[in-house]
């Protein structure tokens, strides 16, 4: 008999949703798609702030959310046509 998977905490659910939104953003190939995902993310984060303002993530949860957010940012920049962040040009001589 299989055991049921452990229930996720509200923070675990939020991290899973953030990862889902990141996957959606990384699938975008244009600004319209990225804008749509951004609007969904804004709605979701507003609900989270209202319903779960008292949550305290662990260091591991913060680390995971940060890793996912960095991936989200890279995908958003690419989808919006900014490409990968580049290094600034060297100063003039």
N, C-alpha and C. Protein backbone atom coordinates (compact mmCIF):
# COMPACT_ATOMS: atom_id res chain seq x y z
N UNK A 1 0.83 -1.18 0.00
CA UNK A 1 0.00 0.00 0.00
C UNK A 1 0.88 1.25 0.00
N UNK A 2 0.59 2.17 -0.94
CA UNK A 2 1.38 3.40 -1.04
C UNK A 2 0.90 4.41 -0.01
N UNK A 3 1.86 5.13 0.53
CA UNK A 3 1.51 6.20 1.45
C UNK A 3 1.20 7.45 0.65
N UNK A 4 0.27 8.22 1.13
CA UNK A 4 -0.05 9.49 0.48
C UNK A 4 1.14 10.43 0.64
N UNK A 5 1.41 11.23 -0.38
CA UNK A 5 2.52 12.18 -0.22
C UNK A 5 2.20 13.17 0.88
N UNK A 6 3.23 13.66 1.55
CA UNK A 6 2.96 14.62 2.63
C UNK A 6 2.33 15.88 2.06
N UNK A 7 1.46 16.46 2.85
CA UNK A 7 0.82 17.71 2.42
C UNK A 7 1.87 18.81 2.38
N UNK A 8 1.74 19.64 1.39
CA UNK A 8 2.66 20.76 1.29
C UNK A 8 2.20 21.87 2.22
N UNK A 9 3.17 22.58 2.74
CA UNK A 9 2.85 23.76 3.52
C UNK A 9 2.40 24.85 2.56
N UNK A 10 1.86 25.91 3.09
CA UNK A 10 1.45 27.04 2.24
C UNK A 10 2.67 27.60 1.50
N UNK A 11 3.81 27.60 2.15
CA UNK A 11 5.03 28.08 1.49
C UNK A 11 5.45 27.11 0.40
N UNK A 12 5.33 25.82 0.66
CA UNK A 12 5.63 24.82 -0.36
C UNK A 12 4.73 24.98 -1.57
N UNK A 13 3.46 25.26 -1.32
CA UNK A 13 2.51 25.50 -2.41
C UNK A 13 2.90 26.75 -3.20
N UNK A 14 3.32 27.79 -2.48
CA UNK A 14 3.72 29.04 -3.14
C UNK A 14 4.96 28.82 -4.00
N UNK A 15 5.90 28.05 -3.50
CA UNK A 15 7.12 27.76 -4.28
C UNK A 15 6.76 26.95 -5.52
N UNK A 16 5.84 26.00 -5.37
CA UNK A 16 5.39 25.20 -6.52
C UNK A 16 4.72 26.10 -7.56
N UNK A 17 3.90 27.06 -7.12
CA UNK A 17 3.24 27.98 -8.04
C UNK A 17 4.26 28.88 -8.72
N UNK A 18 5.25 29.35 -7.97
CA UNK A 18 6.30 30.18 -8.54
C UNK A 18 7.05 29.41 -9.62
N UNK A 19 7.31 28.14 -9.36
CA UNK A 19 8.00 27.31 -10.35
C UNK A 19 7.12 27.12 -11.60
N UNK A 20 5.83 26.94 -11.39
CA UNK A 20 4.90 26.80 -12.52
C UNK A 20 4.88 28.07 -13.37
N UNK A 21 4.82 29.23 -12.71
CA UNK A 21 4.84 30.49 -13.43
C UNK A 21 6.17 30.69 -14.16
N UNK A 22 7.24 30.24 -13.54
CA UNK A 22 8.56 30.33 -14.17
C UNK A 22 8.60 29.47 -15.43
N UNK A 23 8.07 28.26 -15.34
CA UNK A 23 8.02 27.39 -16.52
C UNK A 23 7.19 28.04 -17.62
N UNK A 24 6.07 28.66 -17.25
CA UNK A 24 5.25 29.36 -18.23
C UNK A 24 6.03 30.50 -18.89
N UNK A 25 6.75 31.27 -18.07
CA UNK A 25 7.53 32.39 -18.60
C UNK A 25 8.64 31.88 -19.52
N UNK A 26 9.29 30.80 -19.13
CA UNK A 26 10.39 30.27 -19.93
C UNK A 26 9.90 29.70 -21.25
N UNK A 27 8.62 29.37 -21.34
CA UNK A 27 8.05 28.88 -22.59
C UNK A 27 7.68 30.04 -23.52
N UNK A 28 7.66 31.26 -23.01
CA UNK A 28 7.29 32.42 -23.82
C UNK A 28 8.38 32.74 -24.83
N UNK A 29 7.92 33.16 -26.01
CA UNK A 29 8.87 33.55 -27.05
C UNK A 29 8.66 35.00 -27.49
N UNK A 30 7.71 35.69 -26.84
CA UNK A 30 7.49 37.09 -27.20
C UNK A 30 6.97 37.87 -26.00
N UNK A 31 6.94 39.17 -26.17
CA UNK A 31 6.54 40.07 -25.09
C UNK A 31 5.08 39.88 -24.68
N UNK A 32 4.19 39.59 -25.63
CA UNK A 32 2.77 39.40 -25.31
C UNK A 32 2.59 38.26 -24.33
N UNK A 33 3.25 37.17 -24.60
CA UNK A 33 3.19 36.01 -23.70
C UNK A 33 3.76 36.38 -22.33
N UNK A 34 4.91 37.03 -22.32
CA UNK A 34 5.55 37.42 -21.05
C UNK A 34 4.64 38.35 -20.26
N UNK A 35 3.97 39.28 -20.96
CA UNK A 35 3.04 40.18 -20.27
C UNK A 35 1.88 39.41 -19.64
N UNK A 36 1.37 38.41 -20.35
CA UNK A 36 0.27 37.60 -19.83
C UNK A 36 0.69 36.86 -18.56
N UNK A 37 1.87 36.25 -18.59
CA UNK A 37 2.38 35.53 -17.41
C UNK A 37 2.62 36.52 -16.27
N UNK A 38 3.14 37.68 -16.59
CA UNK A 38 3.40 38.70 -15.56
C UNK A 38 2.10 39.13 -14.89
N UNK A 39 1.05 39.30 -15.69
CA UNK A 39 -0.26 39.67 -15.12
C UNK A 39 -0.77 38.57 -14.19
N UNK A 40 -0.64 37.32 -14.60
CA UNK A 40 -1.05 36.21 -13.75
C UNK A 40 -0.24 36.18 -12.46
N UNK A 41 1.05 36.42 -12.59
CA UNK A 41 1.93 36.42 -11.42
C UNK A 41 1.55 37.55 -10.46
N UNK A 42 1.19 38.70 -10.99
CA UNK A 42 0.79 39.84 -10.16
C UNK A 42 -0.49 39.52 -9.40
N UNK A 43 -1.47 38.94 -10.10
CA UNK A 43 -2.73 38.54 -9.42
C UNK A 43 -2.45 37.54 -8.31
N UNK A 44 -1.64 36.54 -8.62
CA UNK A 44 -1.33 35.50 -7.64
C UNK A 44 -0.59 36.08 -6.43
N UNK A 45 0.41 36.91 -6.68
CA UNK A 45 1.18 37.45 -5.56
C UNK A 45 0.35 38.38 -4.69
N UNK A 46 -0.61 39.09 -5.28
CA UNK A 46 -1.51 39.93 -4.50
C UNK A 46 -2.37 39.08 -3.58
N UNK A 47 -2.89 37.97 -4.11
CA UNK A 47 -3.68 37.06 -3.27
C UNK A 47 -2.83 36.47 -2.16
N UNK A 48 -1.61 36.07 -2.49
CA UNK A 48 -0.72 35.49 -1.48
C UNK A 48 -0.44 36.48 -0.37
N UNK A 49 -0.17 37.72 -0.74
CA UNK A 49 0.14 38.74 0.27
C UNK A 49 -1.05 38.97 1.19
N UNK A 50 -2.24 38.92 0.62
CA UNK A 50 -3.45 39.16 1.41
C UNK A 50 -3.77 37.96 2.31
N UNK A 51 -3.66 36.76 1.77
CA UNK A 51 -4.09 35.56 2.49
C UNK A 51 -3.02 34.93 3.37
N UNK A 52 -1.75 35.20 3.09
CA UNK A 52 -0.68 34.51 3.81
C UNK A 52 0.42 35.46 4.26
N UNK A 53 0.06 36.63 4.70
CA UNK A 53 1.06 37.64 5.09
C UNK A 53 1.90 37.20 6.29
N UNK A 54 1.40 36.26 7.07
CA UNK A 54 2.08 35.87 8.30
C UNK A 54 3.03 34.68 8.14
N UNK A 55 3.21 34.18 6.93
CA UNK A 55 4.07 33.02 6.73
C UNK A 55 5.54 33.39 6.91
N UNK A 56 6.29 32.48 7.50
CA UNK A 56 7.72 32.68 7.73
C UNK A 56 8.48 31.54 7.06
N UNK A 57 9.10 31.79 5.91
CA UNK A 57 9.82 30.73 5.22
C UNK A 57 11.12 30.37 5.94
N UNK A 58 11.55 29.13 5.74
CA UNK A 58 12.84 28.69 6.27
C UNK A 58 13.94 29.19 5.35
N UNK A 59 15.18 29.07 5.78
CA UNK A 59 16.32 29.47 4.95
C UNK A 59 16.34 28.66 3.66
N UNK A 60 16.02 27.37 3.74
CA UNK A 60 16.00 26.52 2.55
C UNK A 60 14.92 26.96 1.58
N UNK A 61 13.76 27.33 2.11
CA UNK A 61 12.67 27.79 1.24
C UNK A 61 13.03 29.11 0.57
N UNK A 62 13.68 29.99 1.30
CA UNK A 62 14.13 31.26 0.71
C UNK A 62 15.15 30.99 -0.39
N UNK A 63 16.06 30.08 -0.14
CA UNK A 63 17.08 29.73 -1.14
C UNK A 63 16.44 29.17 -2.41
N UNK A 64 15.48 28.28 -2.23
CA UNK A 64 14.80 27.69 -3.39
C UNK A 64 14.00 28.74 -4.16
N UNK A 65 13.28 29.59 -3.46
CA UNK A 65 12.50 30.64 -4.11
C UNK A 65 13.42 31.62 -4.85
N UNK A 66 14.56 31.91 -4.28
CA UNK A 66 15.53 32.80 -4.92
C UNK A 66 16.05 32.19 -6.20
N UNK A 67 16.38 30.90 -6.17
CA UNK A 67 16.88 30.20 -7.36
C UNK A 67 15.83 30.23 -8.47
N UNK A 68 14.59 29.97 -8.11
CA UNK A 68 13.50 29.97 -9.10
C UNK A 68 13.28 31.38 -9.64
N UNK A 69 13.33 32.38 -8.77
CA UNK A 69 13.12 33.77 -9.18
C UNK A 69 14.21 34.24 -10.14
N UNK A 70 15.44 33.80 -9.91
CA UNK A 70 16.53 34.17 -10.82
C UNK A 70 16.29 33.58 -12.21
N UNK A 71 15.82 32.34 -12.26
CA UNK A 71 15.49 31.72 -13.54
C UNK A 71 14.33 32.46 -14.21
N UNK A 72 13.32 32.81 -13.43
CA UNK A 72 12.19 33.57 -13.95
C UNK A 72 12.65 34.88 -14.58
N UNK A 73 13.52 35.60 -13.89
CA UNK A 73 14.01 36.88 -14.39
C UNK A 73 14.74 36.72 -15.73
N UNK A 74 15.58 35.70 -15.83
CA UNK A 74 16.31 35.46 -17.08
C UNK A 74 15.35 35.16 -18.22
N UNK A 75 14.36 34.33 -17.96
CA UNK A 75 13.39 33.98 -19.00
C UNK A 75 12.55 35.20 -19.38
N UNK A 76 12.19 36.02 -18.39
CA UNK A 76 11.40 37.21 -18.67
C UNK A 76 12.19 38.18 -19.55
N UNK A 77 13.45 38.38 -19.23
CA UNK A 77 14.29 39.27 -20.03
C UNK A 77 14.38 38.78 -21.46
N UNK A 78 14.56 37.48 -21.64
CA UNK A 78 14.67 36.92 -22.99
C UNK A 78 13.35 37.06 -23.74
N UNK A 79 12.24 36.76 -23.09
CA UNK A 79 10.93 36.82 -23.75
C UNK A 79 10.56 38.25 -24.14
N UNK A 80 11.01 39.20 -23.35
CA UNK A 80 10.67 40.59 -23.64
C UNK A 80 11.63 41.23 -24.63
N UNK A 81 12.57 40.42 -25.11
CA UNK A 81 13.47 40.91 -26.15
C UNK A 81 14.71 41.59 -25.66
N UNK A 82 15.00 41.47 -24.39
CA UNK A 82 16.20 42.11 -23.86
C UNK A 82 17.40 41.19 -23.92
N UNK A 83 17.17 39.90 -24.16
CA UNK A 83 18.27 38.95 -24.21
C UNK A 83 18.88 38.76 -22.85
N UNK A 84 19.97 38.06 -22.84
CA UNK A 84 20.67 37.82 -21.59
C UNK A 84 21.38 39.10 -21.16
N UNK A 85 21.40 39.35 -19.86
CA UNK A 85 22.13 40.54 -19.42
C UNK A 85 23.59 40.46 -19.87
N UNK A 86 24.10 41.54 -20.39
CA UNK A 86 25.48 41.54 -20.85
C UNK A 86 26.34 42.33 -19.90
N UNK A 87 27.63 42.16 -20.08
CA UNK A 87 28.54 42.94 -19.26
C UNK A 87 28.66 44.32 -19.88
N UNK A 88 28.80 45.35 -19.07
CA UNK A 88 28.90 46.69 -19.63
C UNK A 88 30.18 46.84 -20.44
N UNK A 89 30.17 47.73 -21.42
CA UNK A 89 31.39 47.93 -22.20
C UNK A 89 32.47 48.54 -21.33
N UNK A 90 33.72 48.33 -21.71
CA UNK A 90 34.80 48.91 -20.90
C UNK A 90 34.76 50.43 -21.00
N UNK A 91 35.28 51.12 -19.98
CA UNK A 91 35.29 52.59 -20.03
C UNK A 91 36.19 53.07 -21.17
N UNK A 92 35.90 54.24 -21.71
CA UNK A 92 36.75 54.75 -22.80
C UNK A 92 38.15 55.06 -22.28
N UNK A 93 39.14 54.97 -23.17
CA UNK A 93 40.54 55.23 -22.73
C UNK A 93 40.79 56.67 -22.36
